[in-house]
């Protein structure tokens, strides 16, 4: 297995763990804490600030990631953000994060 592929697999595992922890907070109704933890995960795992992600747009974010294998894990993280917003009663914000994640996935090379 290549080093790059190994790094992407580790990233996928780390994102899954982060999402599990954030989802547990969401289910408890700790929405602000869930948002904060999700933001920390985005910073630690991708070097991204979610506030800037929202401003940059999917194309710029995908380019910033530096590797196409990082696109789907980041989209997973953003979909969890949508779930937090939906659970907290912010339907428009949830729809915005869902659309962002879908557009980001659409930029991922097929193959």
PDB file of N, CA and C in Angstrom:
ATOM      1  N   UNK A   1       0.850  -1.176   0.000  1.00  0.00           N
ATOM      2  CA  UNK A   1       0.000   0.000   0.000  1.00  0.00           C
ATOM      3  C   UNK A   1       0.898   1.243   0.000  1.00  0.00           C
ATOM      4  N   UNK A   2       0.525   2.229  -0.791  1.00  0.00           N
ATOM      5  CA  UNK A   2       1.335   3.437  -0.869  1.00  0.00           C
ATOM      6  C   UNK A   2       1.182   4.262   0.410  1.00  0.00           C
ATOM      7  N   UNK A   3       2.163   5.087   0.653  1.00  0.00           N
ATOM      8  CA  UNK A   3       2.134   5.955   1.835  1.00  0.00           C
ATOM      9  C   UNK A   3       0.954   6.905   1.754  1.00  0.00           C
ATOM     10  N   UNK A   4       0.698   7.469   0.570  1.00  0.00           N
ATOM     11  CA  UNK A   4      -0.414   8.394   0.407  1.00  0.00           C
ATOM     12  C   UNK A   4      -1.750   7.718   0.699  1.00  0.00           C
ATOM     13  N   UNK A   5      -1.909   6.515   0.182  1.00  0.00           N
ATOM     14  CA  UNK A   5      -3.159   5.776   0.415  1.00  0.00           C
ATOM     15  C   UNK A   5      -3.322   5.476   1.905  1.00  0.00           C
ATOM     16  N   UNK A   6      -2.239   5.119   2.577  1.00  0.00           N
ATOM     17  CA  UNK A   6      -2.267   4.850   4.005  1.00  0.00           C
ATOM     18  C   UNK A   6      -2.667   6.107   4.782  1.00  0.00           C
ATOM     19  N   UNK A   7      -2.125   7.237   4.378  1.00  0.00           N
ATOM     20  CA  UNK A   7      -2.475   8.496   5.044  1.00  0.00           C
ATOM     21  C   UNK A   7      -3.949   8.844   4.860  1.00  0.00           C
ATOM     22  N   UNK A   8      -4.469   8.610   3.679  1.00  0.00           N
ATOM     23  CA  UNK A   8      -5.894   8.883   3.428  1.00  0.00           C
ATOM     24  C   UNK A   8      -6.763   7.939   4.255  1.00  0.00           C
ATOM     25  N   UNK A   9      -6.382   6.674   4.339  1.00  0.00           N
ATOM     26  CA  UNK A   9      -7.155   5.728   5.161  1.00  0.00           C
ATOM     27  C   UNK A   9      -7.143   6.138   6.633  1.00  0.00           C
ATOM     28  N   UNK A  10      -6.017   6.602   7.107  1.00  0.00           N
ATOM     29  CA  UNK A  10      -5.940   7.099   8.490  1.00  0.00           C
ATOM     30  C   UNK A  10      -6.821   8.325   8.675  1.00  0.00           C
ATOM     31  N   UNK A  11      -6.837   9.203   7.677  1.00  0.00           N
ATOM     32  CA  UNK A  11      -7.693  10.383   7.733  1.00  0.00           C
ATOM     33  C   UNK A  11      -9.165   9.977   7.801  1.00  0.00           C
ATOM     34  N   UNK A  12      -9.550   9.028   6.972  1.00  0.00           N
ATOM     35  CA  UNK A  12     -10.939   8.546   6.962  1.00  0.00           C
ATOM     36  C   UNK A  12     -11.313   7.998   8.339  1.00  0.00           C
ATOM     37  N   UNK A  13     -10.423   7.228   8.941  1.00  0.00           N
ATOM     38  CA  UNK A  13     -10.686   6.677  10.278  1.00  0.00           C
ATOM     39  C   UNK A  13     -10.806   7.791  11.318  1.00  0.00           C
ATOM     40  N   UNK A  14      -9.922   8.778  11.247  1.00  0.00           N
ATOM     41  CA  UNK A  14      -9.958   9.888  12.200  1.00  0.00           C
ATOM     42  C   UNK A  14     -11.238  10.702  12.042  1.00  0.00           C
ATOM     43  N   UNK A  15     -11.669  10.911  10.809  1.00  0.00           N
ATOM     44  CA  UNK A  15     -12.915  11.643  10.566  1.00  0.00           C
ATOM     45  C   UNK A  15     -14.097  10.853  11.117  1.00  0.00           C
ATOM     46  N   UNK A  16     -14.100   9.547  10.901  1.00  0.00           N
ATOM     47  CA  UNK A  16     -15.194   8.715  11.424  1.00  0.00           C
ATOM     48  C   UNK A  16     -15.260   8.793  12.945  1.00  0.00           C
ATOM     49  N   UNK A  17     -14.109   8.778  13.606  1.00  0.00           N
ATOM     50  CA  UNK A  17     -14.081   8.904  15.069  1.00  0.00           C
ATOM     51  C   UNK A  17     -14.580  10.269  15.507  1.00  0.00           C
ATOM     52  N   UNK A  18     -14.155  11.311  14.813  1.00  0.00           N
ATOM     53  CA  UNK A  18     -14.596  12.666  15.153  1.00  0.00           C
ATOM     54  C   UNK A  18     -16.104  12.796  14.987  1.00  0.00           C
ATOM     55  N   UNK A  19     -16.620  12.268  13.891  1.00  0.00           N
ATOM     56  CA  UNK A  19     -18.057  12.348  13.637  1.00  0.00           C
ATOM     57  C   UNK A  19     -18.829  11.583  14.703  1.00  0.00           C
ATOM     58  N   UNK A  20     -18.329  10.439  15.110  1.00  0.00           N
ATOM     59  CA  UNK A  20     -19.012   9.657  16.156  1.00  0.00           C
ATOM     60  C   UNK A  20     -19.112  10.464  17.451  1.00  0.00           C
ATOM     61  N   UNK A  21     -18.027  11.122  17.828  1.00  0.00           N
ATOM     62  CA  UNK A  21     -18.052  11.936  19.041  1.00  0.00           C
ATOM     63  C   UNK A  21     -18.975  13.131  18.916  1.00  0.00           C
ATOM     64  N   UNK A  22     -18.948  13.788  17.779  1.00  0.00           N
ATOM     65  CA  UNK A  22     -19.799  14.953  17.547  1.00  0.00           C
ATOM     66  C   UNK A  22     -21.271  14.530  17.497  1.00  0.00           C
ATOM     67  N   UNK A  23     -21.545  13.411  16.841  1.00  0.00           N
ATOM     68  CA  UNK A  23     -22.920  12.921  16.749  1.00  0.00           C
ATOM     69  C   UNK A  23     -23.479  12.591  18.131  1.00  0.00           C
ATOM     70  N   UNK A  24     -22.635  12.073  19.012  1.00  0.00           N
ATOM     71  CA  UNK A  24     -23.080  11.785  20.381  1.00  0.00           C
ATOM     72  C   UNK A  24     -23.480  13.084  21.086  1.00  0.00           C
ATOM     73  N   UNK A  25     -22.705  14.124  20.901  1.00  0.00           N
ATOM     74  CA  UNK A  25     -23.049  15.431  21.482  1.00  0.00           C
ATOM     75  C   UNK A  25     -24.358  15.954  20.892  1.00  0.00           C
ATOM     76  N   UNK A  26     -24.508  15.804  19.580  1.00  0.00           N
ATOM     77  CA  UNK A  26     -25.733  16.253  18.911  1.00  0.00           C
ATOM     78  C   UNK A  26     -26.952  15.530  19.469  1.00  0.00           C
ATOM     79  N   UNK A  27     -26.825  14.217  19.634  1.00  0.00           N
ATOM     80  CA  UNK A  27     -27.959  13.431  20.155  1.00  0.00           C
ATOM     81  C   UNK A  27     -28.327  13.839  21.576  1.00  0.00           C
ATOM     82  N   UNK A  28     -27.344  14.331  22.337  1.00  0.00           N
ATOM     83  CA  UNK A  28     -27.616  14.809  23.704  1.00  0.00           C
ATOM     84  C   UNK A  28     -28.181  16.228  23.707  1.00  0.00           C
ATOM     85  N   UNK A  29     -28.217  16.850  22.544  1.00  0.00           N
ATOM     86  CA  UNK A  29     -28.724  18.217  22.462  1.00  0.00           C
ATOM     87  C   UNK A  29     -27.676  19.274  22.771  1.00  0.00           C
ATOM     88  N   UNK A  30     -26.423  18.880  22.826  1.00  0.00           N
ATOM     89  CA  UNK A  30     -25.317  19.822  23.099  1.00  0.00           C
ATOM     90  C   UNK A  30     -24.825  20.375  21.759  1.00  0.00           C
ATOM     91  N   UNK A  31     -25.684  21.174  21.108  1.00  0.00           N
ATOM     92  CA  UNK A  31     -25.405  21.620  19.748  1.00  0.00           C
ATOM     93  C   UNK A  31     -24.197  22.538  19.639  1.00  0.00           C
ATOM     94  N   UNK A  32     -24.075  23.484  20.555  1.00  0.00           N
ATOM     95  CA  UNK A  32     -22.934  24.393  20.476  1.00  0.00           C
ATOM     96  C   UNK A  32     -21.618  23.644  20.702  1.00  0.00           C
ATOM     97  N   UNK A  33     -21.624  22.738  21.665  1.00  0.00           N
ATOM     98  CA  UNK A  33     -20.424  21.933  21.915  1.00  0.00           C
ATOM     99  C   UNK A  33     -20.101  21.056  20.701  1.00  0.00           C
ATOM    100  N   UNK A  34     -21.139  20.513  20.079  1.00  0.00           N
ATOM    101  CA  UNK A  34     -20.939  19.692  18.878  1.00  0.00           C
ATOM    102  C   UNK A  34     -20.322  20.527  17.758  1.00  0.00           C
ATOM    103  N   UNK A  35     -20.824  21.756  17.584  1.00  0.00           N
ATOM    104  CA  UNK A  35     -20.248  22.640  16.556  1.00  0.00           C
ATOM    105  C   UNK A  35     -18.782  22.926  16.846  1.00  0.00           C
ATOM    106  N   UNK A  36     -18.474  23.201  18.103  1.00  0.00           N
ATOM    107  CA  UNK A  36     -17.091  23.498  18.472  1.00  0.00           C
ATOM    108  C   UNK A  36     -16.175  22.310  18.216  1.00  0.00           C
ATOM    109  N   UNK A  37     -16.609  21.115  18.606  1.00  0.00           N
ATOM    110  CA  UNK A  37     -15.801  19.913  18.380  1.00  0.00           C
ATOM    111  C   UNK A  37     -15.615  19.626  16.891  1.00  0.00           C
ATOM    112  N   UNK A  38     -16.669  19.855  16.120  1.00  0.00           N
ATOM    113  CA  UNK A  38     -16.563  19.658  14.681  1.00  0.00           C
ATOM    114  C   UNK A  38     -15.560  20.643  14.076  1.00  0.00           C
ATOM    115  N   UNK A  39     -15.605  21.874  14.548  1.00  0.00           N
ATOM    116  CA  UNK A  39     -14.648  22.877  14.087  1.00  0.00           C
ATOM    117  C   UNK A  39     -13.219  22.511  14.441  1.00  0.00           C
ATOM    118  N   UNK A  40     -13.030  21.995  15.648  1.00  0.00           N
ATOM    119  CA  UNK A  40     -11.693  21.549  16.055  1.00  0.00           C
ATOM    120  C   UNK A  40     -11.206  20.410  15.166  1.00  0.00           C
ATOM    121  N   UNK A  41     -12.095  19.485  14.866  1.00  0.00           N
ATOM    122  CA  UNK A  41     -11.725  18.348  14.006  1.00  0.00           C
ATOM    123  C   UNK A  41     -11.344  18.835  12.609  1.00  0.00           C
ATOM    124  N   UNK A  42     -12.099  19.781  12.067  1.00  0.00           N
ATOM    125  CA  UNK A  42     -11.779  20.312  10.736  1.00  0.00           C
ATOM    126  C   UNK A  42     -10.409  20.978  10.741  1.00  0.00           C
ATOM    127  N   UNK A  43     -10.108  21.685  11.818  1.00  0.00           N
ATOM    128  CA  UNK A  43      -8.804  22.331  11.924  1.00  0.00           C
ATOM    129  C   UNK A  43      -7.677  21.327  12.063  1.00  0.00           C
ATOM    130  N   UNK A  44      -7.874  20.356  12.932  1.00  0.00           N
ATOM    131  CA  UNK A  44      -6.828  19.369  13.187  1.00  0.00           C
ATOM    132  C   UNK A  44      -6.597  18.441  11.993  1.00  0.00           C
ATOM    133  N   UNK A  45      -7.665  17.967  11.384  1.00  0.00           N
ATOM    134  CA  UNK A  45      -7.548  16.955  10.343  1.00  0.00           C
ATOM    135  C   UNK A  45      -7.304  17.529   8.946  1.00  0.00           C
ATOM    136  N   UNK A  46      -7.815  18.743   8.708  1.00  0.00           N
ATOM    137  CA  UNK A  46      -7.713  19.311   7.366  1.00  0.00           C
ATOM    138  C   UNK A  46      -7.013  20.671   7.335  1.00  0.00           C
ATOM    139  N   UNK A  47      -6.740  21.239   8.500  1.00  0.00           N
ATOM    140  CA  UNK A  47      -6.139  22.562   8.535  1.00  0.00           C
ATOM    141  C   UNK A  47      -7.086  23.646   8.062  1.00  0.00           C
ATOM    142  N   UNK A  48      -8.392  23.410   8.250  1.00  0.00           N
ATOM    143  CA  UNK A  48      -9.408  24.335   7.760  1.00  0.00           C
ATOM    144  C   UNK A  48     -10.244  24.914   8.894  1.00  0.00           C
ATOM    145  N   UNK A  49     -10.589  26.171   8.762  1.00  0.00           N
ATOM    146  CA  UNK A  49     -11.538  26.837   9.652  1.00  0.00           C
ATOM    147  C   UNK A  49     -12.899  26.762   8.964  1.00  0.00           C
ATOM    148  N   UNK A  50     -13.903  26.188   9.627  1.00  0.00           N
ATOM    149  CA  UNK A  50     -15.203  26.010   8.979  1.00  0.00           C
ATOM    150  C   UNK A  50     -15.855  27.336   8.606  1.00  0.00           C
ATOM    151  N   UNK A  51     -15.573  28.395   9.338  1.00  0.00           N
ATOM    152  CA  UNK A  51     -16.096  29.705   8.968  1.00  0.00           C
ATOM    153  C   UNK A  51     -15.545  30.147   7.621  1.00  0.00           C
ATOM    154  N   UNK A  52     -14.272  29.891   7.393  1.00  0.00           N
ATOM    155  CA  UNK A  52     -13.667  30.237   6.107  1.00  0.00           C
ATOM    156  C   UNK A  52     -14.113  29.288   5.012  1.00  0.00           C
ATOM    157  N   UNK A  53     -14.318  28.035   5.356  1.00  0.00           N
ATOM    158  CA  UNK A  53     -14.793  27.058   4.379  1.00  0.00           C
ATOM    159  C   UNK A  53     -16.092  27.554   3.761  1.00  0.00           C
ATOM    160  N   UNK A  54     -16.991  28.026   4.599  1.00  0.00           N
ATOM    161  CA  UNK A  54     -18.284  28.508   4.116  1.00  0.00           C
ATOM    162  C   UNK A  54     -18.124  29.699   3.181  1.00  0.00           C
ATOM    163  N   UNK A  55     -17.127  30.532   3.421  1.00  0.00           N
ATOM    164  CA  UNK A  55     -16.907  31.714   2.586  1.00  0.00           C
ATOM    165  C   UNK A  55     -16.192  31.390   1.277  1.00  0.00           C
ATOM    166  N   UNK A  56     -15.288  30.414   1.313  1.00  0.00           N
ATOM    167  CA  UNK A  56     -14.472  30.107   0.143  1.00  0.00           C
ATOM    168  C   UNK A  56     -15.247  29.426  -0.978  1.00  0.00           C
ATOM    169  N   UNK A  57     -16.122  28.529  -0.617  1.00  0.00           N
ATOM    170  CA  UNK A  57     -16.837  27.761  -1.626  1.00  0.00           C
ATOM    171  C   UNK A  57     -16.158  26.433  -1.894  1.00  0.00           C
ATOM    172  N   UNK A  58     -16.921  25.478  -2.409  1.00  0.00           N
ATOM    173  CA  UNK A  58     -16.413  24.122  -2.610  1.00  0.00           C
ATOM    174  C   UNK A  58     -15.185  24.009  -3.504  1.00  0.00           C
ATOM    175  N   UNK A  59     -15.137  24.753  -4.596  1.00  0.00           N
ATOM    176  CA  UNK A  59     -14.000  24.652  -5.501  1.00  0.00           C
ATOM    177  C   UNK A  59     -12.698  25.060  -4.845  1.00  0.00           C
ATOM    178  N   UNK A  60     -12.723  26.177  -4.149  1.00  0.00           N
ATOM    179  CA  UNK A  60     -11.520  26.658  -3.465  1.00  0.00           C
ATOM    180  C   UNK A  60     -11.120  25.723  -2.336  1.00  0.00           C
ATOM    181  N   UNK A  61     -12.106  25.199  -1.639  1.00  0.00           N
ATOM    182  CA  UNK A  61     -11.809  24.275  -0.536  1.00  0.00           C
ATOM    183  C   UNK A  61     -11.185  22.991  -1.077  1.00  0.00           C
ATOM    184  N   UNK A  62     -11.746  22.448  -2.148  1.00  0.00           N
ATOM    185  CA  UNK A  62     -11.196  21.227  -2.737  1.00  0.00           C
ATOM    186  C   UNK A  62      -9.747  21.447  -3.173  1.00  0.00           C
ATOM    187  N   UNK A  63      -9.469  22.596  -3.745  1.00  0.00           N
ATOM    188  CA  UNK A  63      -8.101  22.906  -4.164  1.00  0.00           C
ATOM    189  C   UNK A  63      -7.173  23.027  -2.960  1.00  0.00           C
ATOM    190  N   UNK A  64      -7.677  23.598  -1.876  1.00  0.00           N
ATOM    191  CA  UNK A  64      -6.891  23.789  -0.658  1.00  0.00           C
ATOM    192  C   UNK A  64      -6.521  22.450  -0.003  1.00  0.00           C
ATOM    193  N   UNK A  65      -7.353  21.442  -0.181  1.00  0.00           N
ATOM    194  CA  UNK A  65      -7.108  20.152   0.461  1.00  0.00           C
ATOM    195  C   UNK A  65      -5.822  19.489  -0.027  1.00  0.00           C
ATOM    196  N   UNK A  66      -5.462  19.730  -1.273  1.00  0.00           N
ATOM    197  CA  UNK A  66      -4.198  19.229  -1.781  1.00  0.00           C
ATOM    198  C   UNK A  66      -4.189  17.782  -2.259  1.00  0.00           C
ATOM    199  N   UNK A  67      -5.246  17.044  -2.000  1.00  0.00           N
ATOM    200  CA  UNK A  67      -5.315  15.652  -2.462  1.00  0.00           C
ATOM    201  C   UNK A  67      -6.782  15.282  -2.639  1.00  0.00           C
ATOM    202  N   UNK A  68      -7.155  14.700  -3.775  1.00  0.00           N
ATOM    203  CA  UNK A  68      -8.559  14.367  -4.009  1.00  0.00           C
ATOM    204  C   UNK A  68      -9.139  13.372  -3.015  1.00  0.00           C
ATOM    205  N   UNK A  69      -8.296  12.579  -2.379  1.00  0.00           N
ATOM    206  CA  UNK A  69      -8.773  11.613  -1.395  1.00  0.00           C
ATOM    207  C   UNK A  69      -9.283  12.242  -0.108  1.00  0.00           C
ATOM    208  N   UNK A  70      -9.019  13.524   0.065  1.00  0.00           N
ATOM    209  CA  UNK A  70      -9.485  14.230   1.261  1.00  0.00           C
ATOM    210  C   UNK A  70     -10.883  14.820   1.091  1.00  0.00           C
ATOM    211  N   UNK A  71     -11.383  14.838  -0.133  1.00  0.00           N
ATOM    212  CA  UNK A  71     -12.666  15.482  -0.421  1.00  0.00           C
ATOM    213  C   UNK A  71     -13.830  14.782   0.292  1.00  0.00           C
ATOM    214  N   UNK A  72     -13.955  13.479   0.116  1.00  0.00           N
ATOM    215  CA  UNK A  72     -15.079  12.745   0.711  1.00  0.00           C
ATOM    216  C   UNK A  72     -15.061  12.806   2.248  1.00  0.00           C
ATOM    217  N   UNK A  73     -13.909  12.627   2.901  1.00  0.00           N
ATOM    218  CA  UNK A  73     -13.921  12.742   4.358  1.00  0.00           C
ATOM    219  C   UNK A  73     -14.349  14.131   4.848  1.00  0.00           C
ATOM    220  N   UNK A  74     -13.919  15.174   4.143  1.00  0.00           N
ATOM    221  CA  UNK A  74     -14.354  16.516   4.539  1.00  0.00           C
ATOM    222  C   UNK A  74     -15.850  16.669   4.299  1.00  0.00           C
ATOM    223  N   UNK A  75     -16.345  16.154   3.193  1.00  0.00           N
ATOM    224  CA  UNK A  75     -17.790  16.215   2.934  1.00  0.00           C
ATOM    225  C   UNK A  75     -18.567  15.497   4.036  1.00  0.00           C
ATOM    226  N   UNK A  76     -18.046  14.377   4.521  1.00  0.00           N
ATOM    227  CA  UNK A  76     -18.689  13.668   5.632  1.00  0.00           C
ATOM    228  C   UNK A  76     -18.779  14.563   6.868  1.00  0.00           C
ATOM    229  N   UNK A  77     -17.701  15.271   7.150  1.00  0.00           N
ATOM    230  CA  UNK A  77     -17.669  16.175   8.296  1.00  0.00           C
ATOM    231  C   UNK A  77     -18.706  17.288   8.119  1.00  0.00           C
ATOM    232  N   UNK A  78     -18.798  17.828   6.920  1.00  0.00           N
ATOM    233  CA  UNK A  78     -19.753  18.910   6.654  1.00  0.00           C
ATOM    234  C   UNK A  78     -21.199  18.416   6.714  1.00  0.00           C
ATOM    235  N   UNK A  79     -21.412  17.173   6.325  1.00  0.00           N
ATOM    236  CA  UNK A  79     -22.756  16.606   6.451  1.00  0.00           C
ATOM    237  C   UNK A  79     -23.157  16.454   7.915  1.00  0.00           C
ATOM    238  N   UNK A  80     -22.196  16.172   8.774  1.00  0.00           N
ATOM    239  CA  UNK A  80     -22.497  16.121  10.206  1.00  0.00           C
ATOM    240  C   UNK A  80     -22.858  17.523  10.707  1.00  0.00           C
ATOM    241  N   UNK A  81     -22.183  18.546  10.182  1.00  0.00           N
ATOM    242  CA  UNK A  81     -22.544  19.922  10.544  1.00  0.00           C
ATOM    243  C   UNK A  81     -23.987  20.201  10.152  1.00  0.00           C
ATOM    244  N   UNK A  82     -24.392  19.720   8.978  1.00  0.00           N
ATOM    245  CA  UNK A  82     -25.779  19.879   8.549  1.00  0.00           C
ATOM    246  C   UNK A  82     -26.728  19.190   9.525  1.00  0.00           C
ATOM    247  N   UNK A  83     -26.352  18.006  10.006  1.00  0.00           N
ATOM    248  CA  UNK A  83     -27.195  17.283  10.963  1.00  0.00           C
ATOM    249  C   UNK A  83     -27.340  18.052  12.277  1.00  0.00           C
ATOM    250  N   UNK A  84     -26.258  18.681  12.711  1.00  0.00           N
ATOM    251  CA  UNK A  84     -26.320  19.498  13.925  1.00  0.00           C
ATOM    252  C   UNK A  84     -27.312  20.633  13.728  1.00  0.00           C
ATOM    253  N   UNK A  85     -27.178  21.333  12.601  1.00  0.00           N
ATOM    254  CA  UNK A  85     -28.062  22.473  12.334  1.00  0.00           C
ATOM    255  C   UNK A  85     -29.516  22.027  12.222  1.00  0.00           C
ATOM    256  N   UNK A  86     -29.739  20.900  11.563  1.00  0.00           N
ATOM    257  CA  UNK A  86     -31.102  20.368  11.422  1.00  0.00           C
ATOM    258  C   UNK A  86     -31.689  20.044  12.794  1.00  0.00           C
ATOM    259  N   UNK A  87     -30.909  19.379  13.638  1.00  0.00           N
ATOM    260  CA  UNK A  87     -31.376  18.996  14.971  1.00  0.00           C
ATOM    261  C   UNK A  87     -31.644  20.224  15.840  1.00  0.00           C
ATOM    262  N   UNK A  88     -30.897  21.290  15.598  1.00  0.00           N
ATOM    263  CA  UNK A  88     -31.040  22.528  16.379  1.00  0.00           C
ATOM    264  C   UNK A  88     -32.118  23.445  15.799  1.00  0.00           C
ATOM    265  N   UNK A  89     -32.828  22.982  14.788  1.00  0.00           N
ATOM    266  CA  UNK A  89     -33.937  23.748  14.236  1.00  0.00           C
ATOM    267  C   UNK A  89     -33.546  24.801  13.212  1.00  0.00           C
ATOM    268  N   UNK A  90     -32.352  24.706  12.675  1.00  0.00           N
ATOM    269  CA  UNK A  90     -31.882  25.671  11.673  1.00  0.00           C
ATOM    270  C   UNK A  90     -31.896  25.023  10.291  1.00  0.00           C
ATOM    271  N   UNK A  91     -33.096  24.897   9.727  1.00  0.00           N
ATOM    272  CA  UNK A  91     -33.276  24.178   8.463  1.00  0.00           C
ATOM    273  C   UNK A  91     -32.507  24.814   7.307  1.00  0.00           C
ATOM    274  N   UNK A  92     -32.508  26.127   7.216  1.00  0.00           N
ATOM    275  CA  UNK A  92     -31.819  26.797   6.108  1.00  0.00           C
ATOM    276  C   UNK A  92     -30.314  26.569   6.198  1.00  0.00           C
ATOM    277  N   UNK A  93     -29.780  26.661   7.401  1.00  0.00           N
ATOM    278  CA  UNK A  93     -28.338  26.429   7.591  1.00  0.00           C
ATOM    279  C   UNK A  93     -27.992  24.971   7.299  1.00  0.00           C
ATOM    280  N   UNK A  94     -28.863  24.058   7.708  1.00  0.00           N
ATOM    281  CA  UNK A  94     -28.646  22.631   7.416  1.00  0.00           C
ATOM    282  C   UNK A  94     -28.624  22.403   5.905  1.00  0.00           C
ATOM    283  N   UNK A  95     -29.558  23.028   5.204  1.00  0.00           N
ATOM    284  CA  UNK A  95     -29.619  22.867   3.750  1.00  0.00           C
ATOM    285  C   UNK A  95     -28.358  23.437   3.091  1.00  0.00           C
ATOM    286  N   UNK A  96     -27.849  24.531   3.615  1.00  0.00           N
ATOM    287  CA  UNK A  96     -26.639  25.140   3.055  1.00  0.00           C
ATOM    288  C   UNK A  96     -25.438  24.212   3.203  1.00  0.00           C
ATOM    289  N   UNK A  97     -25.261  23.605   4.403  1.00  0.00           N
ATOM    290  CA  UNK A  97     -24.131  22.690   4.620  1.00  0.00           C
ATOM    291  C   UNK A  97     -24.296  21.414   3.800  1.00  0.00           C
ATOM    292  N   UNK A  98     -25.531  20.929   3.675  1.00  0.00           N
ATOM    293  CA  UNK A  98     -25.784  19.738   2.868  1.00  0.00           C
ATOM    294  C   UNK A  98     -25.434  20.001   1.406  1.00  0.00           C
ATOM    295  N   UNK A  99     -25.838  21.149   0.899  1.00  0.00           N
ATOM    296  CA  UNK A  99     -25.544  21.505  -0.493  1.00  0.00           C
ATOM    297  C   UNK A  99     -24.043  21.672  -0.705  1.00  0.00           C
ATOM    298  N   UNK A 100     -23.372  22.275   0.257  1.00  0.00           N
ATOM    299  CA  UNK A 100     -21.929  22.469   0.159  1.00  0.00           C
ATOM    300  C   UNK A 100     -21.231  21.110   0.075  1.00  0.00           C
ATOM    301  N   UNK A 101     -21.617  20.201   0.952  1.00  0.00           N
ATOM    302  CA  UNK A 101     -21.006  18.866   0.960  1.00  0.00           C
ATOM    303  C   UNK A 101     -21.269  18.144  -0.361  1.00  0.00           C
ATOM    304  N   UNK A 102     -22.485  18.253  -0.879  1.00  0.00           N
ATOM    305  CA  UNK A 102     -22.823  17.592  -2.145  1.00  0.00           C
ATOM    306  C   UNK A 102     -22.009  18.181  -3.295  1.00  0.00           C
ATOM    307  N   UNK A 103     -21.878  19.504  -3.312  1.00  0.00           N
ATOM    308  CA  UNK A 103     -21.093  20.135  -4.377  1.00  0.00           C
ATOM    309  C   UNK A 103     -19.619  19.742  -4.258  1.00  0.00           C
ATOM    310  N   UNK A 104     -19.130  19.671  -3.037  1.00  0.00           N
ATOM    311  CA  UNK A 104     -17.748  19.250  -2.813  1.00  0.00           C
ATOM    312  C   UNK A 104     -17.538  17.833  -3.337  1.00  0.00           C
ATOM    313  N   UNK A 105     -18.467  16.937  -3.033  1.00  0.00           N
ATOM    314  CA  UNK A 105     -18.374  15.553  -3.536  1.00  0.00           C
ATOM    315  C   UNK A 105     -18.394  15.520  -5.061  1.00  0.00           C
ATOM    316  N   UNK A 106     -19.156  16.419  -5.670  1.00  0.00           N
ATOM    317  CA  UNK A 106     -19.224  16.478  -7.126  1.00  0.00           C
ATOM    318  C   UNK A 106     -17.912  16.878  -7.777  1.00  0.00           C
ATOM    319  N   UNK A 107     -17.040  17.517  -7.008  1.00  0.00           N
ATOM    320  CA  UNK A 107     -15.726  17.918  -7.515  1.00  0.00           C
ATOM    321  C   UNK A 107     -14.689  16.810  -7.418  1.00  0.00           C
ATOM    322  N   UNK A 108     -15.042  15.750  -6.696  1.00  0.00           N
ATOM    323  CA  UNK A 108     -14.098  14.651  -6.487  1.00  0.00           C
ATOM    324  C   UNK A 108     -13.939  13.868  -7.786  1.00  0.00           C
ATOM    325  N   UNK A 109     -12.699  13.647  -8.189  1.00  0.00           N
ATOM    326  CA  UNK A 109     -12.475  12.878  -9.431  1.00  0.00           C
ATOM    327  C   UNK A 109     -13.024  11.468  -9.304  1.00  0.00           C
ATOM    328  N   UNK A 110     -13.607  10.976 -10.373  1.00  0.00           N
ATOM    329  CA  UNK A 110     -14.117   9.599 -10.413  1.00  0.00           C
ATOM    330  C   UNK A 110     -13.000   8.696 -10.918  1.00  0.00           C
ATOM    331  N   UNK A 111     -13.030   7.468 -10.462  1.00  0.00           N
ATOM    332  CA  UNK A 111     -12.008   6.590 -11.007  1.00  0.00           C
ATOM    333  C   UNK A 111     -11.863   5.409 -10.244  1.00  0.00           C
TER     334      UNK A 111
END
